[in-house]
Amino acid sequence: MSADHHAPPAHSGDLHASGLHGAVHHNDHADDHAHGSRKDYVIGFVLSVILTAIPFWLVMTNPLSQQTTALIIMAFAIVQIVVHMIYFLHMNGKNEGGWSMMALLFTIVVVVIALSGSLWVMYHMNTNMMPAAAEMGQMG
């Protein structure tokens, strides 16, 4: 028997015999680290609650103008998206060889184009399609 008396007997096709057991065991630990810890989930949850409660308080108490409140809510929404991506989706530059970060950047570019284009179209539709209503309001 070998010096390591705790090792199970080797069988043909057994993971222990082929040496793959160590690799599988090592990858399990790497995957656990990539999924985050309980501490990371708690931090993400607390930040999400705070980033939701502050805009809710701003809307309910109305301490600022509507435009300022809307801008603050949008800023908090952007920060909350980042918190969710880091603490719950575990996105960083190291996962999957950086491809998850490239997918994130592509998604951000598409969302920014879609949102800014939608806002631009709605603004110009409102401005260019509603001049008769503004004139009618001045007549009466």
C-alpha atoms as a PDB file:
ATOM      1  CA  MET A   1       0.000   0.000   0.000  1.00  0.00           C
ATOM      2  CA  SER A   2       1.229   3.518  -0.661  1.00  0.00           C
ATOM      3  CA  ALA A   3       2.262   6.045   1.941  1.00  0.00           C
ATOM      4  CA  ASP A   4      -1.150   7.737   1.647  1.00  0.00           C
ATOM      5  CA  HIS A   5      -3.333   5.238   3.491  1.00  0.00           C
ATOM      6  CA  HIS A   6      -6.418   7.479   3.250  1.00  0.00           C
ATOM      7  CA  ALA A   7      -6.679   7.295  -0.544  1.00  0.00           C
ATOM      8  CA  PRO A   8      -9.475   5.078  -1.904  1.00  0.00           C
ATOM      9  CA  PRO A   9      -8.528   2.114  -4.060  1.00  0.00           C
ATOM     10  CA  ALA A  10      -7.973   2.957  -7.726  1.00  0.00           C
ATOM     11  CA  HIS A  11     -10.261   1.372 -10.296  1.00  0.00           C
ATOM     12  CA  SER A  12     -10.040   1.668 -14.040  1.00  0.00           C
ATOM     13  CA  GLY A  13     -12.236   4.558 -15.120  1.00  0.00           C
ATOM     14  CA  ASP A  14     -12.315   5.953 -11.584  1.00  0.00           C
ATOM     15  CA  LEU A  15     -11.757   9.687 -11.300  1.00  0.00           C
ATOM     16  CA  HIS A  16      -9.210   9.080  -8.557  1.00  0.00           C
ATOM     17  CA  ALA A  17      -7.133   6.761 -10.729  1.00  0.00           C
ATOM     18  CA  SER A  18      -7.044   9.096 -13.713  1.00  0.00           C
ATOM     19  CA  GLY A  19      -6.001  12.056 -11.622  1.00  0.00           C
ATOM     20  CA  LEU A  20      -9.109  14.016 -12.583  1.00  0.00           C
ATOM     21  CA  HIS A  21     -10.515  14.031  -9.060  1.00  0.00           C
ATOM     22  CA  GLY A  22      -8.099  16.753  -7.991  1.00  0.00           C
ATOM     23  CA  ALA A  23      -8.974  18.855 -11.025  1.00  0.00           C
ATOM     24  CA  VAL A  24     -12.703  18.456 -10.455  1.00  0.00           C
ATOM     25  CA  HIS A  25     -12.305  19.220  -6.778  1.00  0.00           C
ATOM     26  CA  HIS A  26     -10.205  22.297  -7.566  1.00  0.00           C
ATOM     27  CA  ASN A  27     -12.737  23.587 -10.122  1.00  0.00           C
ATOM     28  CA  ASP A  28     -15.547  23.186  -7.599  1.00  0.00           C
ATOM     29  CA  HIS A  29     -13.765  25.654  -5.338  1.00  0.00           C
ATOM     30  CA  ALA A  30     -13.172  28.059  -8.224  1.00  0.00           C
ATOM     31  CA  ASP A  31     -16.874  27.921  -9.124  1.00  0.00           C
ATOM     32  CA  ASP A  32     -17.872  28.543  -5.505  1.00  0.00           C
ATOM     33  CA  HIS A  33     -15.699  31.659  -5.444  1.00  0.00           C
ATOM     34  CA  ALA A  34     -17.174  32.860  -8.767  1.00  0.00           C
ATOM     35  CA  HIS A  35     -20.701  32.547  -7.364  1.00  0.00           C
ATOM     36  CA  GLY A  36     -20.015  34.851  -4.452  1.00  0.00           C
ATOM     37  CA  SER A  37     -20.327  34.437  -0.748  1.00  0.00           C
ATOM     38  CA  ARG A  38     -23.175  35.007   1.647  1.00  0.00           C
ATOM     39  CA  LYS A  39     -21.476  38.271   2.636  1.00  0.00           C
ATOM     40  CA  ASP A  40     -21.588  39.475  -0.998  1.00  0.00           C
ATOM     41  CA  TYR A  41     -25.296  38.662  -1.265  1.00  0.00           C
ATOM     42  CA  VAL A  42     -26.055  40.476   2.004  1.00  0.00           C
ATOM     43  CA  ILE A  43     -24.084  43.540   0.879  1.00  0.00           C
ATOM     44  CA  GLY A  44     -25.914  43.520  -2.472  1.00  0.00           C
ATOM     45  CA  PHE A  45     -29.290  43.163  -0.775  1.00  0.00           C
ATOM     46  CA  VAL A  46     -28.642  45.998   1.708  1.00  0.00           C
ATOM     47  CA  LEU A  47     -27.415  48.291  -1.073  1.00  0.00           C
ATOM     48  CA  SER A  48     -30.467  47.424  -3.195  1.00  0.00           C
ATOM     49  CA  VAL A  49     -32.834  48.237  -0.345  1.00  0.00           C
ATOM     50  CA  ILE A  50     -31.096  51.571   0.317  1.00  0.00           C
ATOM     51  CA  LEU A  51     -31.035  52.429  -3.401  1.00  0.00           C
ATOM     52  CA  THR A  52     -34.774  51.718  -3.571  1.00  0.00           C
ATOM     53  CA  ALA A  53     -35.789  53.414  -0.300  1.00  0.00           C
ATOM     54  CA  ILE A  54     -34.170  56.786  -1.060  1.00  0.00           C
ATOM     55  CA  PRO A  55     -35.997  57.362  -4.390  1.00  0.00           C
ATOM     56  CA  PHE A  56     -39.215  56.095  -2.785  1.00  0.00           C
ATOM     57  CA  TRP A  57     -38.779  58.644   0.019  1.00  0.00           C
ATOM     58  CA  LEU A  58     -38.077  61.390  -2.549  1.00  0.00           C
ATOM     59  CA  VAL A  59     -41.316  60.626  -4.397  1.00  0.00           C
ATOM     60  CA  MET A  60     -43.433  60.309  -1.252  1.00  0.00           C
ATOM     61  CA  THR A  61     -42.185  63.458   0.509  1.00  0.00           C
ATOM     62  CA  ASN A  62     -41.575  65.586  -2.620  1.00  0.00           C
ATOM     63  CA  PRO A  63     -38.774  67.744  -1.094  1.00  0.00           C
ATOM     64  CA  LEU A  64     -37.309  68.690  -4.498  1.00  0.00           C
ATOM     65  CA  SER A  65     -38.632  69.812  -7.864  1.00  0.00           C
ATOM     66  CA  GLN A  66     -40.014  67.157 -10.209  1.00  0.00           C
ATOM     67  CA  GLN A  67     -37.107  67.431 -12.631  1.00  0.00           C
ATOM     68  CA  THR A  68     -34.492  67.142  -9.891  1.00  0.00           C
ATOM     69  CA  THR A  69     -36.332  64.182  -8.363  1.00  0.00           C
ATOM     70  CA  ALA A  70     -36.522  62.459 -11.765  1.00  0.00           C
ATOM     71  CA  LEU A  71     -32.785  62.952 -12.360  1.00  0.00           C
ATOM     72  CA  ILE A  72     -31.926  61.611  -8.906  1.00  0.00           C
ATOM     73  CA  ILE A  73     -34.174  58.579  -9.421  1.00  0.00           C
ATOM     74  CA  MET A  74     -32.487  57.842 -12.770  1.00  0.00           C
ATOM     75  CA  ALA A  75     -29.048  58.132 -11.164  1.00  0.00           C
ATOM     76  CA  PHE A  76     -30.068  55.761  -8.363  1.00  0.00           C
ATOM     77  CA  ALA A  77     -31.472  53.344 -10.972  1.00  0.00           C
ATOM     78  CA  ILE A  78     -28.147  53.282 -12.819  1.00  0.00           C
ATOM     79  CA  VAL A  79     -26.253  52.667  -9.577  1.00  0.00           C
ATOM     80  CA  GLN A  80     -28.692  49.913  -8.656  1.00  0.00           C
ATOM     81  CA  ILE A  81     -28.163  48.204 -12.012  1.00  0.00           C
ATOM     82  CA  VAL A  82     -24.409  48.209 -11.357  1.00  0.00           C
ATOM     83  CA  VAL A  83     -24.935  46.812  -7.841  1.00  0.00           C
ATOM     84  CA  HIS A  84     -27.100  44.001  -9.219  1.00  0.00           C
ATOM     85  CA  MET A  85     -24.559  43.158 -11.907  1.00  0.00           C
ATOM     86  CA  ILE A  86     -21.677  43.014  -9.442  1.00  0.00           C
ATOM     87  CA  TYR A  87     -23.284  41.363  -6.417  1.00  0.00           C
ATOM     88  CA  PHE A  88     -25.971  39.144  -7.973  1.00  0.00           C
ATOM     89  CA  LEU A  89     -24.828  38.458 -11.547  1.00  0.00           C
ATOM     90  CA  HIS A  90     -21.132  38.343 -10.483  1.00  0.00           C
ATOM     91  CA  MET A  91     -19.956  40.239 -13.540  1.00  0.00           C
ATOM     92  CA  ASN A  92     -16.375  41.420 -13.599  1.00  0.00           C
ATOM     93  CA  GLY A  93     -13.477  41.476 -16.011  1.00  0.00           C
ATOM     94  CA  LYS A  94     -12.162  38.101 -14.821  1.00  0.00           C
ATOM     95  CA  ASN A  95     -15.202  35.865 -15.429  1.00  0.00           C
ATOM     96  CA  GLU A  96     -15.261  33.851 -18.656  1.00  0.00           C
ATOM     97  CA  GLY A  97     -12.049  35.416 -19.897  1.00  0.00           C
ATOM     98  CA  GLY A  98     -13.593  38.888 -19.987  1.00  0.00           C
ATOM     99  CA  TRP A  99     -16.412  37.900 -22.358  1.00  0.00           C
ATOM    100  CA  SER A 100     -19.108  38.639 -19.794  1.00  0.00           C
ATOM    101  CA  MET A 101     -17.767  42.198 -19.553  1.00  0.00           C
ATOM    102  CA  MET A 102     -17.813  42.531 -23.356  1.00  0.00           C
ATOM    103  CA  ALA A 103     -21.417  41.305 -23.406  1.00  0.00           C
ATOM    104  CA  LEU A 104     -22.246  43.833 -20.689  1.00  0.00           C
ATOM    105  CA  LEU A 105     -20.679  46.708 -22.627  1.00  0.00           C
ATOM    106  CA  PHE A 106     -22.533  45.694 -25.801  1.00  0.00           C
ATOM    107  CA  THR A 107     -25.804  45.533 -23.859  1.00  0.00           C
ATOM    108  CA  ILE A 108     -25.196  48.974 -22.355  1.00  0.00           C
ATOM    109  CA  VAL A 109     -24.515  50.456 -25.802  1.00  0.00           C
ATOM    110  CA  VAL A 110     -27.707  48.932 -27.229  1.00  0.00           C
ATOM    111  CA  VAL A 111     -29.813  50.108 -24.261  1.00  0.00           C
ATOM    112  CA  VAL A 112     -28.397  53.650 -24.432  1.00  0.00           C
ATOM    113  CA  ILE A 113     -29.096  53.830 -28.177  1.00  0.00           C
ATOM    114  CA  ALA A 114     -32.638  52.490 -27.720  1.00  0.00           C
ATOM    115  CA  LEU A 115     -33.484  54.783 -24.796  1.00  0.00           C
ATOM    116  CA  SER A 116     -31.949  57.939 -26.235  1.00  0.00           C
ATOM    117  CA  GLY A 117     -33.545  57.244 -29.623  1.00  0.00           C
ATOM    118  CA  SER A 118     -36.930  56.660 -28.002  1.00  0.00           C
ATOM    119  CA  LEU A 119     -36.706  59.866 -25.980  1.00  0.00           C
ATOM    120  CA  TRP A 120     -35.592  61.817 -29.057  1.00  0.00           C
ATOM    121  CA  VAL A 121     -38.501  60.463 -31.129  1.00  0.00           C
ATOM    122  CA  MET A 122     -41.063  61.137 -28.379  1.00  0.00           C
ATOM    123  CA  TYR A 123     -39.790  64.683 -27.835  1.00  0.00           C
ATOM    124  CA  HIS A 124     -39.906  65.518 -31.544  1.00  0.00           C
ATOM    125  CA  MET A 125     -43.287  63.856 -32.022  1.00  0.00           C
ATOM    126  CA  ASN A 126     -44.677  65.913 -29.156  1.00  0.00           C
ATOM    127  CA  THR A 127     -43.117  69.122 -30.498  1.00  0.00           C
ATOM    128  CA  ASN A 128     -43.970  68.645 -34.165  1.00  0.00           C
ATOM    129  CA  MET A 129     -47.345  66.924 -33.930  1.00  0.00           C
ATOM    130  CA  MET A 130     -49.023  69.049 -31.273  1.00  0.00           C
ATOM    131  CA  PRO A 131     -48.651  72.696 -32.396  1.00  0.00           C
ATOM    132  CA  ALA A 132     -52.406  72.971 -33.116  1.00  0.00           C
ATOM    133  CA  ALA A 133     -53.238  72.169 -29.479  1.00  0.00           C
ATOM    134  CA  ALA A 134     -50.903  74.893 -28.237  1.00  0.00           C
ATOM    135  CA  GLU A 135     -52.472  77.420 -30.605  1.00  0.00           C
ATOM    136  CA  MET A 136     -55.988  76.418 -29.555  1.00  0.00           C
ATOM    137  CA  GLY A 137     -55.060  76.922 -25.909  1.00  0.00           C
ATOM    138  CA  GLN A 138     -53.966  80.498 -26.664  1.00  0.00           C
ATOM    139  CA  MET A 139     -57.133  81.302 -28.606  1.00  0.00           C
ATOM    140  CA  GLY A 140     -59.563  80.538 -25.801  1.00  0.00           C
END
